[in-house]
Amino acid sequence: MVRWWVGLWAVMIGLVWCLGWGNSAIAAPAFTDLSADEQVEFQQTVEVLRSQAFDATNQGKFAQAETAWSQLIELLPEEPALWSNRGNARVSQNKLEDALSDFNQAIELAPDAPDPYLNRGAAYEGLGKWEAAIADYNHVLELDPNDPAAFNNRGNAE
């Protein structure tokens, strides 16, 4: 059961979008501003959505996975793994430009994490942007000199 504030938040976002204020940002209530019961419910909602996202991915239902990752991003926009995972769901649907945006956001939030660079490199490969892909794989190897996927992907891109 979703609390009233989640519904209110969704309505407010819908109103902003309908009124053409799409560039405005409305943040979810800060976790610490929630009561103890609301915090528990928030955490449960996040766990349900994560489970849905991973289950959909494992079943090859990438559009459903993308929806679940998007819902999680609405709740936790500062979590780089969520952006990277939604990017992966988008790559699986050949939405490569949208995936690049997600990977770029993940990199902005966590510039020292290798996975978003590795994932972005794969999206660049899909677009035939070989040099950009190789640059991302090289960066992964700067962050983690023993990453086997980066070596493999770089070899494929070369």
Protein backbone atom coordinates (compact mmCIF):
# COMPACT_ATOMS: atom_id res chain seq x y z
CA MET A 1 0.00 0.00 0.00
CA VAL A 2 1.46 3.32 -1.05
CA ARG A 3 1.14 6.24 1.33
CA TRP A 4 -0.77 9.39 0.46
CA TRP A 5 2.45 11.35 -0.14
CA VAL A 6 3.53 9.07 -2.97
CA GLY A 7 0.16 9.57 -4.68
CA LEU A 8 0.32 13.31 -4.09
CA TRP A 9 3.85 13.40 -5.46
CA ALA A 10 2.76 11.57 -8.63
CA VAL A 11 -0.19 13.95 -9.10
CA MET A 12 2.10 16.96 -8.69
CA ILE A 13 4.53 15.63 -11.28
CA GLY A 14 1.61 15.01 -13.64
CA LEU A 15 0.36 18.55 -13.14
CA VAL A 16 3.79 20.01 -13.76
CA TRP A 17 4.08 18.00 -16.96
CA CYS A 18 0.56 18.92 -18.13
CA LEU A 19 1.11 22.60 -17.45
CA GLY A 20 4.30 22.60 -19.49
CA TRP A 21 6.70 23.11 -16.63
CA GLY A 22 8.66 20.00 -17.59
CA ASN A 23 12.01 21.57 -16.74
CA SER A 24 11.03 22.12 -13.13
CA ALA A 25 12.09 19.55 -10.61
CA ILE A 26 9.91 18.30 -7.80
CA ALA A 27 11.74 16.16 -5.32
CA ALA A 28 10.26 13.31 -3.36
CA PRO A 29 10.00 13.99 0.36
CA ALA A 30 13.34 13.56 2.07
CA PHE A 31 13.59 10.15 3.71
CA THR A 32 14.38 11.76 7.06
CA ASP A 33 11.21 13.87 6.79
CA LEU A 34 9.09 10.73 6.83
CA SER A 35 7.66 9.14 9.95
CA ALA A 36 9.06 5.78 11.01
CA ASP A 37 6.06 3.99 9.46
CA GLU A 38 6.45 5.94 6.22
CA GLN A 39 10.17 5.09 6.11
CA VAL A 40 9.37 1.39 6.44
CA GLU A 41 6.74 1.66 3.73
CA PHE A 42 9.13 3.60 1.50
CA GLN A 43 11.81 0.92 1.93
CA GLN A 44 9.26 -1.80 1.17
CA THR A 45 8.16 0.01 -1.99
CA VAL A 46 11.78 0.30 -3.11
CA GLU A 47 12.41 -3.40 -2.48
CA VAL A 48 9.26 -4.43 -4.38
CA LEU A 49 10.26 -2.27 -7.35
CA ARG A 50 13.84 -3.61 -7.31
CA SER A 51 12.50 -7.16 -7.28
CA GLN A 52 10.14 -6.37 -10.17
CA ALA A 53 12.97 -4.78 -12.15
CA PHE A 54 15.35 -7.71 -11.70
CA ASP A 55 12.62 -10.31 -12.29
CA ALA A 56 11.54 -8.57 -15.51
CA THR A 57 15.15 -8.39 -16.66
CA ASN A 58 15.74 -12.08 -15.92
CA GLN A 59 12.60 -12.93 -17.90
CA GLY A 60 13.66 -10.80 -20.85
CA LYS A 61 10.80 -8.33 -20.28
CA PHE A 62 12.95 -5.27 -20.79
CA ALA A 63 10.12 -2.74 -21.23
CA GLN A 64 8.73 -3.80 -17.84
CA ALA A 65 12.19 -3.62 -16.34
CA GLU A 66 12.64 -0.12 -17.75
CA THR A 67 9.36 0.95 -16.16
CA ALA A 68 10.37 -0.41 -12.76
CA TRP A 69 13.82 1.23 -12.95
CA SER A 70 12.13 4.50 -13.93
CA GLN A 71 9.85 4.29 -10.90
CA LEU A 72 12.86 3.65 -8.69
CA ILE A 73 14.70 6.62 -10.21
CA GLU A 74 11.70 8.82 -9.34
CA LEU A 75 12.07 7.71 -5.72
CA LEU A 76 15.88 7.65 -5.56
CA PRO A 77 17.25 9.96 -8.26
CA GLU A 78 20.74 10.12 -6.72
CA GLU A 79 21.35 6.34 -6.98
CA PRO A 80 23.76 5.78 -9.89
CA ALA A 81 23.11 2.03 -10.10
CA LEU A 82 19.46 2.67 -10.91
CA TRP A 83 20.40 4.89 -13.85
CA SER A 84 22.90 2.34 -15.10
CA ASN A 85 20.41 -0.52 -14.77
CA ARG A 86 17.72 1.40 -16.62
CA GLY A 87 20.32 2.11 -19.29
CA ASN A 88 20.94 -1.63 -19.60
CA ALA A 89 17.19 -2.25 -19.99
CA ARG A 90 17.14 0.38 -22.71
CA VAL A 91 20.15 -1.13 -24.50
CA SER A 92 18.28 -4.44 -24.51
CA GLN A 93 15.45 -2.68 -26.37
CA ASN A 94 17.87 -0.95 -28.76
CA LYS A 95 17.05 2.46 -27.24
CA LEU A 96 20.72 3.32 -27.40
CA GLU A 97 20.55 7.13 -27.25
CA ASP A 98 18.25 6.97 -24.21
CA ALA A 99 20.61 4.45 -22.65
CA LEU A 100 23.55 6.81 -23.20
CA SER A 101 21.70 9.51 -21.26
CA ASP A 102 21.18 7.10 -18.37
CA PHE A 103 24.81 6.00 -18.35
CA ASN A 104 25.95 9.62 -18.47
CA GLN A 105 23.79 10.39 -15.44
CA ALA A 106 25.18 7.37 -13.59
CA ILE A 107 28.72 8.55 -14.40
CA GLU A 108 27.91 12.05 -13.20
CA LEU A 109 26.68 10.62 -9.89
CA ALA A 110 29.52 8.10 -9.49
CA PRO A 111 32.50 9.07 -11.68
CA ASP A 112 34.77 6.43 -10.14
CA ALA A 113 32.41 3.47 -10.66
CA PRO A 114 33.52 1.30 -13.59
CA ASP A 115 30.16 -0.28 -14.51
CA PRO A 116 28.51 2.78 -16.09
CA TYR A 117 31.56 3.26 -18.34
CA LEU A 118 31.50 -0.41 -19.32
CA ASN A 119 27.78 -0.21 -20.05
CA ARG A 120 28.11 3.06 -21.95
CA GLY A 121 30.88 1.50 -24.02
CA ALA A 122 28.51 -1.27 -25.06
CA ALA A 123 25.90 1.32 -26.09
CA TYR A 124 28.54 3.16 -28.11
CA GLU A 125 29.41 -0.11 -29.82
CA GLY A 126 25.76 -0.58 -30.73
CA LEU A 127 25.83 2.86 -32.35
CA GLY A 128 29.06 2.06 -34.19
CA LYS A 129 30.98 4.68 -32.20
CA TRP A 130 34.03 2.48 -31.81
CA GLU A 131 36.51 5.08 -30.56
CA ALA A 132 34.13 6.28 -27.86
CA ALA A 133 33.53 2.68 -26.80
CA ILE A 134 37.26 1.96 -26.65
CA ALA A 135 37.83 5.13 -24.62
CA ASP A 136 35.22 3.98 -22.09
CA TYR A 137 36.76 0.51 -21.88
CA ASN A 138 40.20 2.06 -21.38
CA HIS A 139 38.76 4.18 -18.58
CA VAL A 140 37.30 1.06 -16.94
CA LEU A 141 40.78 -0.46 -17.04
CA GLU A 142 42.22 2.67 -15.42
CA LEU A 143 39.71 2.22 -12.59
CA ASP A 144 40.06 -1.58 -12.43
CA PRO A 145 43.15 -2.85 -14.28
CA ASN A 146 41.97 -6.47 -14.10
CA ASP A 147 38.41 -6.09 -15.38
CA PRO A 148 37.96 -9.01 -17.80
CA ALA A 149 34.80 -7.59 -19.40
CA ALA A 150 36.61 -4.35 -20.27
CA PHE A 151 39.43 -6.31 -21.93
CA ASN A 152 36.95 -8.46 -23.83
CA ASN A 153 34.76 -5.57 -24.93
CA ARG A 154 37.74 -3.44 -25.92
CA GLY A 155 39.04 -6.29 -28.03
CA ASN A 156 35.66 -6.63 -29.73
CA ALA A 157 35.48 -2.88 -30.38
CA GLU A 158 39.01 -2.83 -31.81
